[in-house]
Amino acid sequence: MQRNILDEARIHPAIRAKIAGYHADIVREVEAAAAANDVVVVGMKQNPMPRKARKALDAKGIRYTYLEYGSYINTW
């Protein structure tokens, strides 16, 4: 799945390094989980979609790793 992002030519040079490193620790953690597990669900506390995905996986007996990052209220 390709994610739409702003063309790099339109990003001011002074901010490029900050954008490149933004939440790099989380990106590395998700990449490591994806490499080590067949199924990874990533979500936020109040988002119902990851909860529905986990419920469906549980119902089918599919093992997965769940990573939760913050919440809409206090983090983002």
C-alpha atoms as a PDB file:
ATOM      1  CA  MET A   1       0.000   0.000   0.000  1.00  0.00           C
ATOM      2  CA  GLN A   2       1.507   3.294  -1.084  1.00  0.00           C
ATOM      3  CA  ARG A   3       1.031   6.190   1.298  1.00  0.00           C
ATOM      4  CA  ASN A   4       0.497   9.657  -0.167  1.00  0.00           C
ATOM      5  CA  ILE A   5       3.206  12.004   1.010  1.00  0.00           C
ATOM      6  CA  LEU A   6       4.287  15.498   0.163  1.00  0.00           C
ATOM      7  CA  ASP A   7       6.885  15.614  -2.584  1.00  0.00           C
ATOM      8  CA  GLU A   8      10.306  16.155  -1.011  1.00  0.00           C
ATOM      9  CA  ALA A   9      11.006  19.100  -3.331  1.00  0.00           C
ATOM     10  CA  ARG A  10       8.189  20.956  -1.565  1.00  0.00           C
ATOM     11  CA  ILE A  11       9.674  20.451   1.911  1.00  0.00           C
ATOM     12  CA  HIS A  12      11.885  23.276   3.132  1.00  0.00           C
ATOM     13  CA  PRO A  13      15.513  22.079   3.554  1.00  0.00           C
ATOM     14  CA  ALA A  14      15.625  23.364   7.145  1.00  0.00           C
ATOM     15  CA  ILE A  15      12.921  20.921   8.247  1.00  0.00           C
ATOM     16  CA  ARG A  16      13.888  17.787   6.251  1.00  0.00           C
ATOM     17  CA  ALA A  17      16.081  16.257   8.986  1.00  0.00           C
ATOM     18  CA  LYS A  18      13.345  16.701  11.588  1.00  0.00           C
ATOM     19  CA  ILE A  19      10.786  15.025   9.335  1.00  0.00           C
ATOM     20  CA  ALA A  20      13.168  12.175   8.479  1.00  0.00           C
ATOM     21  CA  GLY A  21      13.693  11.377  12.153  1.00  0.00           C
ATOM     22  CA  TYR A  22      10.135  11.971  13.353  1.00  0.00           C
ATOM     23  CA  HIS A  23       9.081   9.032  15.556  1.00  0.00           C
ATOM     24  CA  ALA A  24      11.969   6.982  14.164  1.00  0.00           C
ATOM     25  CA  ASP A  25      11.907   4.821  17.305  1.00  0.00           C
ATOM     26  CA  ILE A  26       8.305   3.827  16.636  1.00  0.00           C
ATOM     27  CA  VAL A  27       9.015   3.140  12.970  1.00  0.00           C
ATOM     28  CA  ARG A  28      11.941   0.874  13.944  1.00  0.00           C
ATOM     29  CA  GLU A  29       9.789  -0.961  16.495  1.00  0.00           C
ATOM     30  CA  VAL A  30       7.002  -1.584  13.968  1.00  0.00           C
ATOM     31  CA  GLU A  31       9.507  -2.707  11.316  1.00  0.00           C
ATOM     32  CA  ALA A  32      11.095  -5.136  13.788  1.00  0.00           C
ATOM     33  CA  ALA A  33       7.692  -6.511  14.802  1.00  0.00           C
ATOM     34  CA  ALA A  34       6.707  -6.967  11.145  1.00  0.00           C
ATOM     35  CA  ALA A  35       9.958  -8.814  10.451  1.00  0.00           C
ATOM     36  CA  ALA A  36       9.516 -11.107  13.458  1.00  0.00           C
ATOM     37  CA  ASN A  37       5.771 -11.819  13.240  1.00  0.00           C
ATOM     38  CA  ASP A  38       3.373 -12.966  10.537  1.00  0.00           C
ATOM     39  CA  VAL A  39       0.624 -10.591  11.707  1.00  0.00           C
ATOM     40  CA  VAL A  40       1.061  -7.222  13.420  1.00  0.00           C
ATOM     41  CA  VAL A  41      -1.769  -4.898  14.426  1.00  0.00           C
ATOM     42  CA  VAL A  42      -0.821  -1.292  15.193  1.00  0.00           C
ATOM     43  CA  GLY A  43      -3.309   1.036  16.831  1.00  0.00           C
ATOM     44  CA  MET A  44      -4.254   3.719  19.282  1.00  0.00           C
ATOM     45  CA  LYS A  45      -6.286   3.337  22.453  1.00  0.00           C
ATOM     46  CA  GLN A  46      -9.599   4.835  21.277  1.00  0.00           C
ATOM     47  CA  ASN A  47      -9.462   3.617  17.658  1.00  0.00           C
ATOM     48  CA  PRO A  48     -12.108   0.899  17.210  1.00  0.00           C
ATOM     49  CA  MET A  49     -10.619  -0.576  14.028  1.00  0.00           C
ATOM     50  CA  PRO A  50      -7.566  -2.257  15.622  1.00  0.00           C
ATOM     51  CA  ARG A  51      -9.865  -3.588  18.345  1.00  0.00           C
ATOM     52  CA  LYS A  52     -12.163  -5.091  15.673  1.00  0.00           C
ATOM     53  CA  ALA A  53      -9.168  -6.546  13.845  1.00  0.00           C
ATOM     54  CA  ARG A  54      -7.876  -8.165  17.045  1.00  0.00           C
ATOM     55  CA  LYS A  55     -11.324  -9.565  17.835  1.00  0.00           C
ATOM     56  CA  ALA A  56     -11.572 -11.088  14.334  1.00  0.00           C
ATOM     57  CA  LEU A  57      -8.071 -12.564  14.611  1.00  0.00           C
ATOM     58  CA  ASP A  58      -8.878 -13.987  18.052  1.00  0.00           C
ATOM     59  CA  ALA A  59     -12.081 -15.550  16.704  1.00  0.00           C
ATOM     60  CA  LYS A  60     -10.074 -17.292  13.969  1.00  0.00           C
ATOM     61  CA  GLY A  61      -7.326 -18.335  16.372  1.00  0.00           C
ATOM     62  CA  ILE A  62      -4.706 -16.345  14.467  1.00  0.00           C
ATOM     63  CA  ARG A  63      -1.702 -15.284  16.523  1.00  0.00           C
ATOM     64  CA  TYR A  64      -0.662 -11.656  16.227  1.00  0.00           C
ATOM     65  CA  THR A  65       1.404  -8.993  17.903  1.00  0.00           C
ATOM     66  CA  TYR A  66      -0.375  -5.823  18.967  1.00  0.00           C
ATOM     67  CA  LEU A  67       1.465  -2.514  19.265  1.00  0.00           C
ATOM     68  CA  GLU A  68      -0.403   0.408  20.784  1.00  0.00           C
ATOM     69  CA  TYR A  69       0.844   3.959  20.544  1.00  0.00           C
ATOM     70  CA  GLY A  70      -0.821   6.623  22.641  1.00  0.00           C
ATOM     71  CA  SER A  71      -4.335   7.878  22.322  1.00  0.00           C
ATOM     72  CA  TYR A  72      -6.166  10.591  20.437  1.00  0.00           C
ATOM     73  CA  ILE A  73      -6.780  12.451  23.682  1.00  0.00           C
ATOM     74  CA  ASN A  74      -3.369  12.628  25.360  1.00  0.00           C
ATOM     75  CA  THR A  75      -0.723  11.865  22.753  1.00  0.00           C
ATOM     76  CA  TRP A  76      -1.616  13.013  19.268  1.00  0.00           C
END
